[in-house]
């Protein structure tokens, strides 16, 4: 990848998590000549990267850049690092932060590429980081969001994403760091909106997959995506997000991709549910996490807590956790009280 003009001030990077997305982002930076230490949990993956320069488990068919080094300890990964990129499932985000905190360099910036809402606390990832590392971390915290399948990014197919941070100067530094001719990065100061959109779209994608699995047609899928965006927007606005964020890459961009793309793990879960498979059977056969399964529970509870009506997310929760028939869920959505579409409060 050819680097754009303007070299980032950040030069030493750790990536925590060697799944498909973590490995892809680590490789993107290493391909720009930036030394990257990639913390790997799985011994099999660690040895494969070290010996063969590939991650055949999570990112098959992609040769990794020489500047990418696999490590097994937080101390090795975090030593002298300006930036720590967190690419781990949301349900282990808190535990990993707690474990790595003693080795974290003072003043190191954190960039989260995790999309989820913690089940127990209903916190988004920036709130989890603040609760573990203290309020001072927010001045150096950012998130990466937007429509970005790892397989396509790893093959240098055109992709556009957003990096959001309350410190727009940090977002701009990260923008320069990650941007290439094939990976276009925009900036935002709406950390809440970018994170909520990234988490909630996974739940809507399960619903979209179920509609496809039930063979209900393109009309139904398009309506579900549109009304799903309305639910995301309602909750986002109540929690302080900028509604424009939810009509951008982090919002509708990622929502459309995840609801329609064949590489979407969350859509795949919904598709198989619509075809009649049980959730345990589906998730038991998946090596990589479909975040929307856990997020459905926390999103449902968060909507109740904030007093926000989220009928699609409520139905996904009941299908996943209360054994509700997905056909009955669709029927209830279609026979709700008739409403004005765009009047605020009636979305």
Protein backbone atom coordinates (compact mmCIF):
# COMPACT_ATOMS: atom_id res chain seq x y z
CA UNK A 1 0.00 0.00 0.00
CA UNK A 2 1.32 3.44 -0.92
CA UNK A 3 1.20 5.87 1.98
CA UNK A 4 -0.53 9.21 1.49
CA UNK A 5 1.26 12.49 2.00
CA UNK A 6 1.63 13.44 5.64
CA UNK A 7 3.29 11.00 8.00
CA UNK A 8 1.59 10.35 11.32
CA UNK A 9 3.30 11.32 14.53
CA UNK A 10 2.42 7.88 15.93
CA UNK A 11 5.16 5.42 15.07
CA UNK A 12 5.00 2.54 17.56
CA UNK A 13 1.85 0.45 17.53
CA UNK A 14 0.48 -2.54 19.41
CA UNK A 15 -2.57 -4.43 18.18
CA UNK A 16 -4.39 -6.50 20.79
CA UNK A 17 -6.31 -9.32 19.12
CA UNK A 18 -5.31 -11.44 16.12
CA UNK A 19 -8.69 -12.30 14.66
CA UNK A 20 -9.42 -11.40 11.06
CA UNK A 21 -9.93 -7.67 11.72
CA UNK A 22 -7.05 -7.26 14.15
CA UNK A 23 -4.66 -9.04 11.81
CA UNK A 24 -5.90 -7.00 8.85
CA UNK A 25 -5.38 -3.65 10.59
CA UNK A 26 -1.99 -4.72 11.93
CA UNK A 27 -0.97 -5.77 8.43
CA UNK A 28 -2.23 -2.51 6.92
CA UNK A 29 0.07 -0.52 9.22
CA UNK A 30 2.99 -2.90 8.81
CA UNK A 31 2.58 -2.59 5.04
CA UNK A 32 3.20 1.14 5.42
CA UNK A 33 6.53 0.43 7.11
CA UNK A 34 5.25 0.92 10.67
CA UNK A 35 6.55 -1.69 13.14
CA UNK A 36 3.58 -3.46 14.74
CA UNK A 37 3.48 -5.91 17.63
CA UNK A 38 0.39 -8.11 17.38
CA UNK A 39 -0.73 -9.74 20.62
CA UNK A 40 -2.00 -13.23 19.83
CA UNK A 41 -4.05 -15.35 22.23
CA UNK A 42 -4.06 -18.60 20.24
CA UNK A 43 -0.77 -20.53 20.32
CA UNK A 44 -1.50 -22.05 16.91
CA UNK A 45 -1.92 -18.61 15.32
CA UNK A 46 1.18 -17.24 17.08
CA UNK A 47 3.46 -19.95 15.70
CA UNK A 48 1.94 -19.73 12.23
CA UNK A 49 2.55 -15.98 12.01
CA UNK A 50 6.10 -16.31 13.35
CA UNK A 51 7.09 -19.22 11.11
CA UNK A 52 5.07 -18.73 7.94
CA UNK A 53 4.04 -15.06 7.90
CA UNK A 54 0.34 -15.91 7.61
CA UNK A 55 -2.72 -16.21 9.84
CA UNK A 56 -4.36 -19.17 8.19
CA UNK A 57 -6.92 -19.58 10.98
CA UNK A 58 -8.55 -16.15 10.78
CA UNK A 59 -7.20 -14.54 7.60
CA UNK A 60 -6.34 -17.30 5.11
CA UNK A 61 -4.66 -16.47 1.82
CA UNK A 62 -3.07 -13.20 2.97
CA UNK A 63 0.70 -12.81 3.30
CA UNK A 64 1.65 -10.64 6.28
CA UNK A 65 4.13 -7.79 6.04
CA UNK A 66 7.61 -8.35 7.53
CA UNK A 67 7.14 -5.50 10.01
CA UNK A 68 4.33 -7.37 11.79
CA UNK A 69 5.61 -9.30 14.82
CA UNK A 70 3.46 -11.74 16.78
CA UNK A 71 3.86 -11.68 20.58
CA UNK A 72 2.21 -13.60 23.42
CA UNK A 73 2.50 -11.22 26.41
CA UNK A 74 1.08 -7.79 27.11
CA UNK A 75 4.48 -6.62 28.30
CA UNK A 76 6.07 -7.42 24.94
CA UNK A 77 3.18 -5.93 23.00
CA UNK A 78 2.83 -2.66 24.92
CA UNK A 79 6.45 -1.70 25.62
CA UNK A 80 7.23 1.79 24.24
CA UNK A 81 3.98 1.98 22.26
CA UNK A 82 2.36 5.28 21.28
CA UNK A 83 -0.86 3.61 20.17
CA UNK A 84 -2.72 0.50 21.33
CA UNK A 85 -5.36 -0.78 18.92
CA UNK A 86 -7.95 -2.96 20.68
CA UNK A 87 -9.61 -5.52 18.39
CA UNK A 88 -11.19 -7.97 20.81
CA UNK A 89 -14.78 -9.13 21.46
CA UNK A 90 -16.82 -6.79 23.63
CA UNK A 91 -17.48 -9.43 26.29
CA UNK A 92 -13.73 -9.70 27.07
CA UNK A 93 -12.92 -6.01 26.58
CA UNK A 94 -12.99 -5.16 30.29
CA UNK A 95 -10.96 -8.20 31.33
CA UNK A 96 -8.27 -7.56 28.73
CA UNK A 97 -7.99 -3.90 29.76
CA UNK A 98 -7.61 -4.91 33.40
CA UNK A 99 -4.89 -7.43 32.52
CA UNK A 100 -2.92 -5.12 30.26
CA UNK A 101 -3.25 -1.95 32.38
CA UNK A 102 -0.02 -2.49 34.38
CA UNK A 103 1.98 -2.76 31.14
CA UNK A 104 0.31 0.20 29.39
CA UNK A 105 2.66 3.12 28.73
CA UNK A 106 1.55 6.38 30.41
CA UNK A 107 -0.03 8.60 27.78
CA UNK A 108 -0.47 5.84 25.19
CA UNK A 109 -3.47 6.42 22.91
CA UNK A 110 -6.19 3.78 22.68
CA UNK A 111 -8.13 3.03 19.51
CA UNK A 112 -11.04 0.59 19.83
CA UNK A 113 -12.24 -1.39 16.83
CA UNK A 114 -14.60 -3.40 19.05
CA UNK A 115 -18.34 -3.09 18.34
CA UNK A 116 -20.56 -4.01 21.23
CA UNK A 117 -22.32 -3.06 24.47
CA UNK A 118 -21.28 -4.74 27.70
CA UNK A 119 -24.07 -7.02 28.95
CA UNK A 120 -23.62 -6.50 32.68
CA UNK A 121 -23.21 -2.70 32.75
CA UNK A 122 -24.79 -1.64 29.43
CA UNK A 123 -21.65 0.41 28.75
CA UNK A 124 -20.16 1.11 25.35
CA UNK A 125 -16.43 0.43 25.05
CA UNK A 126 -15.23 3.97 25.82
CA UNK A 127 -17.22 3.86 29.07
CA UNK A 128 -15.68 0.50 29.92
CA UNK A 129 -12.21 1.94 29.29
CA UNK A 130 -12.96 4.93 31.50
CA UNK A 131 -14.23 2.70 34.31
CA UNK A 132 -11.05 0.58 34.19
CA UNK A 133 -8.37 3.18 33.43
CA UNK A 134 -9.91 6.34 34.90
CA UNK A 135 -11.42 9.50 33.35
CA UNK A 136 -8.05 10.72 32.06
CA UNK A 137 -8.10 8.06 29.34
CA UNK A 138 -10.89 9.80 27.44
CA UNK A 139 -8.53 12.52 26.20
CA UNK A 140 -6.62 9.82 24.30
CA UNK A 141 -9.39 7.41 23.34
CA UNK A 142 -10.83 6.88 19.85
CA UNK A 143 -12.88 4.30 17.97
CA UNK A 144 -12.80 3.03 14.40
CA UNK A 145 -16.16 2.39 12.75
CA UNK A 146 -17.68 2.02 9.31
CA UNK A 147 -18.38 -0.55 6.57
CA UNK A 148 -15.27 -2.71 6.47
CA UNK A 149 -15.13 -6.45 5.96
CA UNK A 150 -11.64 -7.62 6.93
CA UNK A 151 -11.29 -9.89 3.91
CA UNK A 152 -11.85 -6.99 1.50
CA UNK A 153 -9.56 -4.59 3.36
CA UNK A 154 -6.82 -7.23 3.48
CA UNK A 155 -7.01 -7.50 -0.31
CA UNK A 156 -6.76 -3.71 -0.69
CA UNK A 157 -10.29 -3.32 -2.02
CA UNK A 158 -11.57 0.29 -1.69
CA UNK A 159 -12.93 0.94 1.81
CA UNK A 160 -13.95 4.08 3.73
CA UNK A 161 -14.25 4.28 7.53
CA UNK A 162 -14.50 6.85 10.31
CA UNK A 163 -12.27 7.39 13.33
CA UNK A 164 -14.06 9.22 16.13
CA UNK A 165 -12.57 10.84 19.21
CA UNK A 166 -13.58 13.66 21.55
CA UNK A 167 -10.14 15.10 20.69
CA UNK A 168 -10.41 15.82 16.96
CA UNK A 169 -6.63 16.30 16.81
CA UNK A 170 -6.15 12.71 17.90
CA UNK A 171 -8.66 11.57 15.27
CA UNK A 172 -6.67 13.49 12.64
CA UNK A 173 -3.40 11.88 13.75
CA UNK A 174 -4.97 8.45 13.47
CA UNK A 175 -6.48 9.39 10.13
CA UNK A 176 -3.01 10.08 8.75
CA UNK A 177 -1.68 6.89 10.30
CA UNK A 178 -4.22 4.54 8.74
CA UNK A 179 -5.04 6.17 5.39
CA UNK A 180 -3.81 4.52 2.19
CA UNK A 181 -4.86 4.63 -1.44
CA UNK A 182 -7.32 1.80 -0.71
CA UNK A 183 -8.33 2.68 2.88
CA UNK A 184 -9.89 6.13 3.20
CA UNK A 185 -10.37 7.46 6.74
CA UNK A 186 -12.71 10.26 7.79
CA UNK A 187 -12.76 11.91 11.22
CA UNK A 188 -15.49 12.67 13.72
CA UNK A 189 -15.77 13.97 17.27
CA UNK A 190 -18.92 11.90 17.95
CA UNK A 191 -17.50 9.00 19.94
CA UNK A 192 -20.88 7.98 21.36
CA UNK A 193 -22.67 7.93 18.01
CA UNK A 194 -19.95 5.97 16.22
CA UNK A 195 -19.84 3.32 18.94
CA UNK A 196 -23.61 2.94 19.31
CA UNK A 197 -24.10 2.65 15.57
CA UNK A 198 -21.37 0.03 15.31
CA UNK A 199 -22.89 -2.04 18.10
CA UNK A 200 -26.57 -1.82 17.22
CA UNK A 201 -26.21 -2.49 13.49
CA UNK A 202 -25.12 -6.03 14.37
CA UNK A 203 -28.48 -6.71 16.02
CA UNK A 204 -30.39 -5.32 13.05
CA UNK A 205 -28.24 -7.50 10.77
CA UNK A 206 -29.45 -10.61 12.61
CA UNK A 207 -33.02 -9.51 11.88
CA UNK A 208 -32.16 -8.85 8.23
CA UNK A 209 -30.60 -12.28 7.92
CA UNK A 210 -33.69 -13.89 9.45
CA UNK A 211 -35.90 -12.11 6.91
CA UNK A 212 -33.73 -13.52 4.13
CA UNK A 213 -33.74 -16.98 5.73
CA UNK A 214 -37.53 -16.85 5.84
CA UNK A 215 -37.54 -15.84 2.14
CA UNK A 216 -39.67 -12.78 2.80
CA UNK A 217 -38.20 -10.79 -0.06
CA UNK A 218 -36.23 -7.66 -0.83
CA UNK A 219 -39.05 -5.31 0.18
CA UNK A 220 -39.03 -6.67 3.71
CA UNK A 221 -35.25 -6.47 4.00
CA UNK A 222 -35.16 -2.85 2.79
CA UNK A 223 -37.93 -1.85 5.19
CA UNK A 224 -36.19 -3.57 8.08
CA UNK A 225 -32.87 -1.82 7.41
CA UNK A 226 -34.61 1.56 7.20
CA UNK A 227 -36.63 1.07 10.36
CA UNK A 228 -33.58 -0.37 12.07
CA UNK A 229 -31.76 2.88 11.37
CA UNK A 230 -34.69 4.73 12.96
CA UNK A 231 -34.24 2.68 16.15
CA UNK A 232 -30.49 3.27 16.22
CA UNK A 233 -31.09 7.00 15.72
CA UNK A 234 -33.68 7.20 18.51
CA UNK A 235 -31.37 5.62 21.06
CA UNK A 236 -28.34 7.50 19.80
CA UNK A 237 -29.99 10.92 20.10
CA UNK A 238 -31.20 10.17 23.63
CA UNK A 239 -27.64 9.19 24.60
CA UNK A 240 -26.10 12.33 23.10
CA UNK A 241 -25.08 11.20 19.62
CA UNK A 242 -25.14 13.53 16.63
CA UNK A 243 -27.91 12.23 14.31
CA UNK A 244 -25.71 13.07 11.31
CA UNK A 245 -23.25 10.41 12.49
CA UNK A 246 -25.99 7.82 12.13
CA UNK A 247 -26.56 8.77 8.48
CA UNK A 248 -22.84 8.44 7.74
CA UNK A 249 -20.29 5.66 7.36
CA UNK A 250 -20.45 4.54 11.00
CA UNK A 251 -24.24 4.48 10.84
CA UNK A 252 -26.09 3.65 7.66
CA UNK A 253 -22.89 2.67 5.85
CA UNK A 254 -22.01 -0.11 8.25
CA UNK A 255 -25.68 -1.02 8.71
CA UNK A 256 -26.23 -1.65 5.00
CA UNK A 257 -23.03 -3.66 4.67
CA UNK A 258 -23.71 -5.86 7.67
CA UNK A 259 -27.36 -6.45 6.74
CA UNK A 260 -26.67 -7.39 3.11
CA UNK A 261 -23.10 -8.67 2.79
CA UNK A 262 -22.44 -12.39 2.51
CA UNK A 263 -19.33 -12.00 4.71
CA UNK A 264 -21.41 -10.70 7.64
CA UNK A 265 -21.31 -13.11 10.58
CA UNK A 266 -24.36 -11.46 12.17
CA UNK A 267 -26.42 -11.71 9.00
CA UNK A 268 -25.35 -15.36 8.76
CA UNK A 269 -26.68 -16.04 12.27
CA UNK A 270 -30.03 -14.52 11.34
CA UNK A 271 -30.11 -16.36 8.02
CA UNK A 272 -29.69 -19.71 9.75
CA UNK A 273 -32.28 -18.85 12.39
CA UNK A 274 -34.73 -18.02 9.62
CA UNK A 275 -33.94 -21.40 8.07
CA UNK A 276 -34.85 -23.13 11.32
CA UNK A 277 -31.51 -23.76 13.06
CA UNK A 278 -31.15 -23.32 16.83
CA UNK A 279 -28.90 -20.54 18.15
CA UNK A 280 -26.62 -22.91 20.09
CA UNK A 281 -26.08 -24.98 16.98
CA UNK A 282 -25.23 -21.90 14.92
CA UNK A 283 -22.82 -20.26 17.35
CA UNK A 284 -21.22 -23.56 18.31
CA UNK A 285 -19.92 -23.92 14.77
CA UNK A 286 -18.47 -20.39 14.53
CA UNK A 287 -14.77 -19.76 15.21
CA UNK A 288 -15.20 -15.97 15.14
CA UNK A 289 -17.66 -14.00 17.28
CA UNK A 290 -20.95 -12.64 15.96
CA UNK A 291 -21.19 -9.61 18.26
CA UNK A 292 -24.88 -9.06 17.62
CA UNK A 293 -25.88 -12.16 19.59
CA UNK A 294 -24.63 -10.76 22.90
CA UNK A 295 -25.42 -7.17 21.97
CA UNK A 296 -29.07 -8.05 21.38
CA UNK A 297 -29.42 -8.62 25.12
CA UNK A 298 -27.66 -5.42 26.19
CA UNK A 299 -29.34 -3.31 23.47
CA UNK A 300 -32.76 -4.55 24.59
CA UNK A 301 -31.98 -3.69 28.21
CA UNK A 302 -30.42 -0.34 27.29
CA UNK A 303 -33.50 0.65 25.30
CA UNK A 304 -35.70 -0.12 28.29
CA UNK A 305 -33.39 1.80 30.62
CA UNK A 306 -33.39 4.87 28.40
CA UNK A 307 -37.14 4.69 27.68
CA UNK A 308 -36.60 4.30 23.93
CA UNK A 309 -38.94 2.23 21.76
CA UNK A 310 -36.91 -0.31 19.76
CA UNK A 311 -39.37 -2.88 18.37
CA UNK A 312 -36.96 -4.67 15.98
CA UNK A 313 -34.30 -5.07 18.63
CA UNK A 314 -36.94 -6.25 21.09
CA UNK A 315 -38.09 -8.94 18.66
CA UNK A 316 -34.50 -10.06 17.96
CA UNK A 317 -33.94 -10.41 21.71
CA UNK A 318 -37.06 -12.56 22.10
CA UNK A 319 -36.15 -14.75 19.11
CA UNK A 320 -32.61 -15.32 20.39
CA UNK A 321 -33.29 -15.68 24.11
CA UNK A 322 -36.99 -16.49 24.54
CA UNK A 323 -37.37 -19.05 21.72
CA UNK A 324 -39.85 -16.90 19.84
CA UNK A 325 -40.77 -18.01 16.33
CA UNK A 326 -39.21 -15.49 13.90
CA UNK A 327 -42.35 -15.58 11.74
CA UNK A 328 -44.39 -14.47 14.74
CA UNK A 329 -41.85 -11.71 15.41
CA UNK A 330 -42.27 -10.39 11.85
CA UNK A 331 -46.06 -10.55 12.15
CA UNK A 332 -45.98 -8.47 15.34
CA UNK A 333 -43.72 -5.87 13.71
CA UNK A 334 -46.05 -5.59 10.71
CA UNK A 335 -49.22 -5.25 12.81
CA UNK A 336 -48.00 -2.60 15.26
CA UNK A 337 -50.03 0.60 15.68
CA UNK A 338 -49.94 2.66 12.47
CA UNK A 339 -47.77 5.78 12.69
CA UNK A 340 -46.39 8.81 10.86
CA UNK A 341 -42.99 7.88 9.46
CA UNK A 342 -40.75 10.91 10.01
CA UNK A 343 -42.35 13.00 12.73
CA UNK A 344 -39.85 13.08 15.60
CA UNK A 345 -41.04 10.84 18.42
CA UNK A 346 -42.91 8.60 15.98
CA UNK A 347 -39.92 7.04 14.27
